Amino acid sequence: MPVCKECDDEVDTLVRVKVAGKVLKLCEDCADRAREEAEIAGEAESAMQGMMGYKGRR
C-alpha cells in the first residue's frame, strides 16, 4: 500500500500534485488541500503586488 507523504496514511492511490515547483505524491484529501493553499498564496501575492504598484513580470 502506498503512503501519503503529507499525512502518513496508507491509501489505495496517490495523486501527483505540483506545489511550489515540486511534484508531490499525496492522497486525494491532501492534494485538494495543497491545491487550495497554493491558489490562496498566489492570490495573496498578487494582491500585495497590486497594493505596492509592482509592474514587473512574475
PDB file of N, CA and C in Angstrom:
ATOM      1  N   MET A   1       0.830  -1.181   0.000  1.00  0.00           N
ATOM      2  CA  MET A   1       0.000   0.000   0.000  1.00  0.00           C
ATOM      3  C   MET A   1       0.878   1.249   0.000  1.00  0.00           C
ATOM      4  N   PRO A   2       0.584   2.201  -0.893  1.00  0.00           N
ATOM      5  CA  PRO A   2       1.329   3.465  -0.896  1.00  0.00           C
ATOM      6  C   PRO A   2       0.975   4.322   0.317  1.00  0.00           C
ATOM      7  N   VAL A   3       1.917   5.147   0.709  1.00  0.00           N
ATOM      8  CA  VAL A   3       1.746   6.008   1.877  1.00  0.00           C
ATOM      9  C   VAL A   3       1.824   7.468   1.428  1.00  0.00           C
ATOM     10  N   CYS A   4       0.877   8.263   1.889  1.00  0.00           N
ATOM     11  CA  CYS A   4       0.844   9.700   1.592  1.00  0.00           C
ATOM     12  C   CYS A   4       1.994  10.385   2.324  1.00  0.00           C
ATOM     13  N   LYS A   5       2.707  11.261   1.634  1.00  0.00           N
ATOM     14  CA  LYS A   5       3.841  11.973   2.230  1.00  0.00           C
ATOM     15  C   LYS A   5       3.399  13.028   3.236  1.00  0.00           C
ATOM     16  N   GLU A   6       2.175  13.528   3.103  1.00  0.00           N
ATOM     17  CA  GLU A   6       1.686  14.598   3.967  1.00  0.00           C
ATOM     18  C   GLU A   6       1.125  14.066   5.284  1.00  0.00           C
ATOM     19  N   CYS A   7       0.202  13.109   5.204  1.00  0.00           N
ATOM     20  CA  CYS A   7      -0.484  12.644   6.412  1.00  0.00           C
ATOM     21  C   CYS A   7      -0.013  11.274   6.899  1.00  0.00           C
ATOM     22  N   ASP A   8       0.866  10.625   6.166  1.00  0.00           N
ATOM     23  CA  ASP A   8       1.428   9.311   6.514  1.00  0.00           C
ATOM     24  C   ASP A   8       0.370   8.220   6.640  1.00  0.00           C
ATOM     25  N   ASP A   9      -0.745   8.343   5.926  1.00  0.00           N
ATOM     26  CA  ASP A   9      -1.774   7.306   5.906  1.00  0.00           C
ATOM     27  C   ASP A   9      -1.562   6.414   4.690  1.00  0.00           C
ATOM     28  N   GLU A  10      -1.937   5.150   4.840  1.00  0.00           N
ATOM     29  CA  GLU A  10      -1.897   4.242   3.710  1.00  0.00           C
ATOM     30  C   GLU A  10      -3.156   4.460   2.878  1.00  0.00           C
ATOM     31  N   VAL A  11      -2.985   4.607   1.563  1.00  0.00           N
ATOM     32  CA  VAL A  11      -4.112   4.867   0.672  1.00  0.00           C
ATOM     33  C   VAL A  11      -4.041   3.918  -0.514  1.00  0.00           C
ATOM     34  N   ASP A  12      -5.141   3.824  -1.255  1.00  0.00           N
ATOM     35  CA  ASP A  12      -5.178   2.959  -2.432  1.00  0.00           C
ATOM     36  C   ASP A  12      -4.370   3.554  -3.578  1.00  0.00           C
ATOM     37  N   THR A  13      -4.551   4.847  -3.823  1.00  0.00           N
ATOM     38  CA  THR A  13      -3.837   5.513  -4.915  1.00  0.00           C
ATOM     39  C   THR A  13      -3.306   6.858  -4.450  1.00  0.00           C
ATOM     40  N   LEU A  14      -2.218   7.271  -5.063  1.00  0.00           N
ATOM     41  CA  LEU A  14      -1.630   8.576  -4.792  1.00  0.00           C
ATOM     42  C   LEU A  14      -1.826   9.461  -6.009  1.00  0.00           C
ATOM     43  N   VAL A  15      -1.968  10.752  -5.769  1.00  0.00           N
ATOM     44  CA  VAL A  15      -2.149  11.743  -6.832  1.00  0.00           C
ATOM     45  C   VAL A  15      -0.898  12.600  -6.884  1.00  0.00           C
ATOM     46  N   ARG A  16      -0.415  12.863  -8.095  1.00  0.00           N
ATOM     47  CA  ARG A  16       0.751  13.731  -8.257  1.00  0.00           C
ATOM     48  C   ARG A  16       0.282  15.168  -8.363  1.00  0.00           C
ATOM     49  N   VAL A  17       0.833  16.022  -7.497  1.00  0.00           N
ATOM     50  CA  VAL A  17       0.456  17.431  -7.453  1.00  0.00           C
ATOM     51  C   VAL A  17       1.728  18.265  -7.483  1.00  0.00           C
ATOM     52  N   LYS A  18       1.736  19.314  -8.317  1.00  0.00           N
ATOM     53  CA  LYS A  18       2.873  20.216  -8.370  1.00  0.00           C
ATOM     54  C   LYS A  18       2.580  21.430  -7.502  1.00  0.00           C
ATOM     55  N   VAL A  19       3.369  21.593  -6.432  1.00  0.00           N
ATOM     56  CA  VAL A  19       3.192  22.683  -5.486  1.00  0.00           C
ATOM     57  C   VAL A  19       4.532  23.367  -5.287  1.00  0.00           C
ATOM     58  N   ALA A  20       4.581  24.658  -5.528  1.00  0.00           N
ATOM     59  CA  ALA A  20       5.796  25.464  -5.352  1.00  0.00           C
ATOM     60  C   ALA A  20       6.971  24.883  -6.133  1.00  0.00           C
ATOM     61  N   GLY A  21       6.701  24.399  -7.339  1.00  0.00           N
ATOM     62  CA  GLY A  21       7.758  23.878  -8.194  1.00  0.00           C
ATOM     63  C   GLY A  21       8.181  22.448  -7.888  1.00  0.00           C
ATOM     64  N   LYS A  22       7.558  21.817  -6.908  1.00  0.00           N
ATOM     65  CA  LYS A  22       7.889  20.438  -6.551  1.00  0.00           C
ATOM     66  C   LYS A  22       6.695  19.536  -6.850  1.00  0.00           C
ATOM     67  N   VAL A  23       6.978  18.329  -7.329  1.00  0.00           N
ATOM     68  CA  VAL A  23       5.920  17.354  -7.574  1.00  0.00           C
ATOM     69  C   VAL A  23       5.843  16.453  -6.350  1.00  0.00           C
ATOM     70  N   LEU A  24       4.652  16.426  -5.736  1.00  0.00           N
ATOM     71  CA  LEU A  24       4.432  15.624  -4.544  1.00  0.00           C
ATOM     72  C   LEU A  24       3.412  14.534  -4.845  1.00  0.00           C
ATOM     73  N   LYS A  25       3.585  13.374  -4.212  1.00  0.00           N
ATOM     74  CA  LYS A  25       2.605  12.295  -4.319  1.00  0.00           C
ATOM     75  C   LYS A  25       1.810  12.274  -3.026  1.00  0.00           C
ATOM     76  N   LEU A  26       0.525  12.701  -3.141  1.00  0.00           N
ATOM     77  CA  LEU A  26      -0.327  12.845  -1.976  1.00  0.00           C
ATOM     78  C   LEU A  26      -1.640  12.105  -2.189  1.00  0.00           C
ATOM     79  N   CYS A  27      -2.356  11.855  -1.084  1.00  0.00           N
ATOM     80  CA  CYS A  27      -3.697  11.289  -1.193  1.00  0.00           C
ATOM     81  C   CYS A  27      -4.645  12.377  -1.705  1.00  0.00           C
ATOM     82  N   GLU A  28      -5.864  12.009  -2.058  1.00  0.00           N
ATOM     83  CA  GLU A  28      -6.825  12.963  -2.626  1.00  0.00           C
ATOM     84  C   GLU A  28      -7.082  14.146  -1.696  1.00  0.00           C
ATOM     85  N   ASP A  29      -7.301  13.882  -0.407  1.00  0.00           N
ATOM     86  CA  ASP A  29      -7.605  14.960   0.534  1.00  0.00           C
ATOM     87  C   ASP A  29      -6.444  15.937   0.663  1.00  0.00           C
ATOM     88  N   CYS A  30      -5.236  15.427   0.822  1.00  0.00           N
ATOM     89  CA  CYS A  30      -4.063  16.287   0.961  1.00  0.00           C
ATOM     90  C   CYS A  30      -3.781  17.033  -0.342  1.00  0.00           C
ATOM     91  N   ALA A  31      -4.034  16.386  -1.486  1.00  0.00           N
ATOM     92  CA  ALA A  31      -3.821  17.039  -2.783  1.00  0.00           C
ATOM     93  C   ALA A  31      -4.768  18.218  -2.949  1.00  0.00           C
ATOM     94  N   ASP A  32      -6.036  18.033  -2.572  1.00  0.00           N
ATOM     95  CA  ASP A  32      -7.000  19.133  -2.657  1.00  0.00           C
ATOM     96  C   ASP A  32      -6.589  20.286  -1.750  1.00  0.00           C
ATOM     97  N   ARG A  33      -6.162  19.962  -0.539  1.00  0.00           N
ATOM     98  CA  ARG A  33      -5.738  20.990   0.411  1.00  0.00           C
ATOM     99  C   ARG A  33      -4.513  21.734  -0.116  1.00  0.00           C
ATOM    100  N   ALA A  34      -3.554  21.014  -0.703  1.00  0.00           N
ATOM    101  CA  ALA A  34      -2.338  21.643  -1.234  1.00  0.00           C
ATOM    102  C   ALA A  34      -2.670  22.563  -2.402  1.00  0.00           C
ATOM    103  N   ARG A  35      -3.597  22.145  -3.269  1.00  0.00           N
ATOM    104  CA  ARG A  35      -4.006  22.997  -4.394  1.00  0.00           C
ATOM    105  C   ARG A  35      -4.650  24.288  -3.894  1.00  0.00           C
ATOM    106  N   GLU A  36      -5.528  24.154  -2.899  1.00  0.00           N
ATOM    107  CA  GLU A  36      -6.205  25.337  -2.357  1.00  0.00           C
ATOM    108  C   GLU A  36      -5.206  26.297  -1.713  1.00  0.00           C
ATOM    109  N   GLU A  37      -4.259  25.764  -0.957  1.00  0.00           N
ATOM    110  CA  GLU A  37      -3.259  26.609  -0.306  1.00  0.00           C
ATOM    111  C   GLU A  37      -2.397  27.331  -1.335  1.00  0.00           C
ATOM    112  N   ALA A  38      -2.027  26.636  -2.420  1.00  0.00           N
ATOM    113  CA  ALA A  38      -1.215  27.257  -3.466  1.00  0.00           C
ATOM    114  C   ALA A  38      -2.002  28.357  -4.174  1.00  0.00           C
ATOM    115  N   GLU A  39      -3.291  28.122  -4.392  1.00  0.00           N
ATOM    116  CA  GLU A  39      -4.126  29.124  -5.047  1.00  0.00           C
ATOM    117  C   GLU A  39      -4.281  30.359  -4.168  1.00  0.00           C
ATOM    118  N   ILE A  40      -4.501  30.166  -2.889  1.00  0.00           N
ATOM    119  CA  ILE A  40      -4.647  31.282  -1.954  1.00  0.00           C
ATOM    120  C   ILE A  40      -3.347  32.067  -1.856  1.00  0.00           C
ATOM    121  N   ALA A  41      -2.219  31.374  -1.805  1.00  0.00           N
ATOM    122  CA  ALA A  41      -0.922  32.053  -1.726  1.00  0.00           C
ATOM    123  C   ALA A  41      -0.673  32.889  -2.981  1.00  0.00           C
ATOM    124  N   GLY A  42      -1.042  32.370  -4.144  1.00  0.00           N
ATOM    125  CA  GLY A  42      -0.878  33.119  -5.386  1.00  0.00           C
ATOM    126  C   GLY A  42      -1.737  34.368  -5.419  1.00  0.00           C
ATOM    127  N   GLU A  43      -2.981  34.252  -4.943  1.00  0.00           N
ATOM    128  CA  GLU A  43      -3.860  35.414  -4.903  1.00  0.00           C
ATOM    129  C   GLU A  43      -3.368  36.455  -3.912  1.00  0.00           C
ATOM    130  N   ALA A  44      -2.850  36.010  -2.778  1.00  0.00           N
ATOM    131  CA  ALA A  44      -2.328  36.934  -1.776  1.00  0.00           C
ATOM    132  C   ALA A  44      -1.116  37.684  -2.315  1.00  0.00           C
ATOM    133  N   GLU A  45      -0.241  36.976  -3.013  1.00  0.00           N
ATOM    134  CA  GLU A  45       0.939  37.621  -3.586  1.00  0.00           C
ATOM    135  C   GLU A  45       0.530  38.644  -4.643  1.00  0.00           C
ATOM    136  N   SER A  46      -0.463  38.293  -5.453  1.00  0.00           N
ATOM    137  CA  SER A  46      -0.944  39.208  -6.483  1.00  0.00           C
ATOM    138  C   SER A  46      -1.552  40.462  -5.862  1.00  0.00           C
ATOM    139  N   ALA A  47      -2.325  40.284  -4.794  1.00  0.00           N
ATOM    140  CA  ALA A  47      -2.931  41.431  -4.123  1.00  0.00           C
ATOM    141  C   ALA A  47      -1.859  42.333  -3.515  1.00  0.00           C
ATOM    142  N   MET A  48      -0.846  41.749  -2.920  1.00  0.00           N
ATOM    143  CA  MET A  48       0.230  42.527  -2.305  1.00  0.00           C
ATOM    144  C   MET A  48       0.997  43.314  -3.377  1.00  0.00           C
ATOM    145  N   GLN A  49       1.274  42.670  -4.506  1.00  0.00           N
ATOM    146  CA  GLN A  49       1.985  43.360  -5.576  1.00  0.00           C
ATOM    147  C   GLN A  49       1.131  44.490  -6.143  1.00  0.00           C
ATOM    148  N   GLY A  50      -0.192  44.286  -6.193  1.00  0.00           N
ATOM    149  CA  GLY A  50      -1.089  45.329  -6.672  1.00  0.00           C
ATOM    150  C   GLY A  50      -1.089  46.535  -5.746  1.00  0.00           C
ATOM    151  N   MET A  51      -1.076  46.276  -4.441  1.00  0.00           N
ATOM    152  CA  MET A  51      -1.067  47.380  -3.478  1.00  0.00           C
ATOM    153  C   MET A  51       0.238  48.165  -3.536  1.00  0.00           C
ATOM    154  N   MET A  52       1.330  47.467  -3.837  1.00  0.00           N
ATOM    155  CA  MET A  52       2.638  48.119  -3.864  1.00  0.00           C
ATOM    156  C   MET A  52       2.936  48.731  -5.231  1.00  0.00           C
ATOM    157  N   GLY A  53       2.070  48.500  -6.212  1.00  0.00           N
ATOM    158  CA  GLY A  53       2.274  49.075  -7.530  1.00  0.00           C
ATOM    159  C   GLY A  53       3.348  48.370  -8.323  1.00  0.00           C
ATOM    160  N   TYR A  54       3.567  47.090  -8.069  1.00  0.00           N
ATOM    161  CA  TYR A  54       4.606  46.322  -8.764  1.00  0.00           C
ATOM    162  C   TYR A  54       4.179  46.088 -10.202  1.00  0.00           C
ATOM    163  N   LYS A  55       5.038  46.480 -11.152  1.00  0.00           N
ATOM    164  CA  LYS A  55       4.708  46.343 -12.571  1.00  0.00           C
ATOM    165  C   LYS A  55       5.593  45.331 -13.289  1.00  0.00           C
ATOM    166  N   GLY A  56       6.440  44.605 -12.569  1.00  0.00           N
ATOM    167  CA  GLY A  56       7.366  43.654 -13.186  1.00  0.00           C
ATOM    168  C   GLY A  56       6.683  42.360 -13.580  1.00  0.00           C
ATOM    169  N   ARG A  57       7.458  41.452 -14.095  1.00  0.00           N
ATOM    170  CA  ARG A  57       6.948  40.165 -14.539  1.00  0.00           C
ATOM    171  C   ARG A  57       6.998  39.170 -13.397  1.00  0.00           C
ATOM    172  N   ARG A  58       6.019  38.320 -13.322  1.00  0.00           N
ATOM    173  CA  ARG A  58       6.005  37.231 -12.358  1.00  0.00           C
ATOM    174  C   ARG A  58       5.072  36.171 -12.813  1.00  0.00           C
TER     175      ARG A  58
END
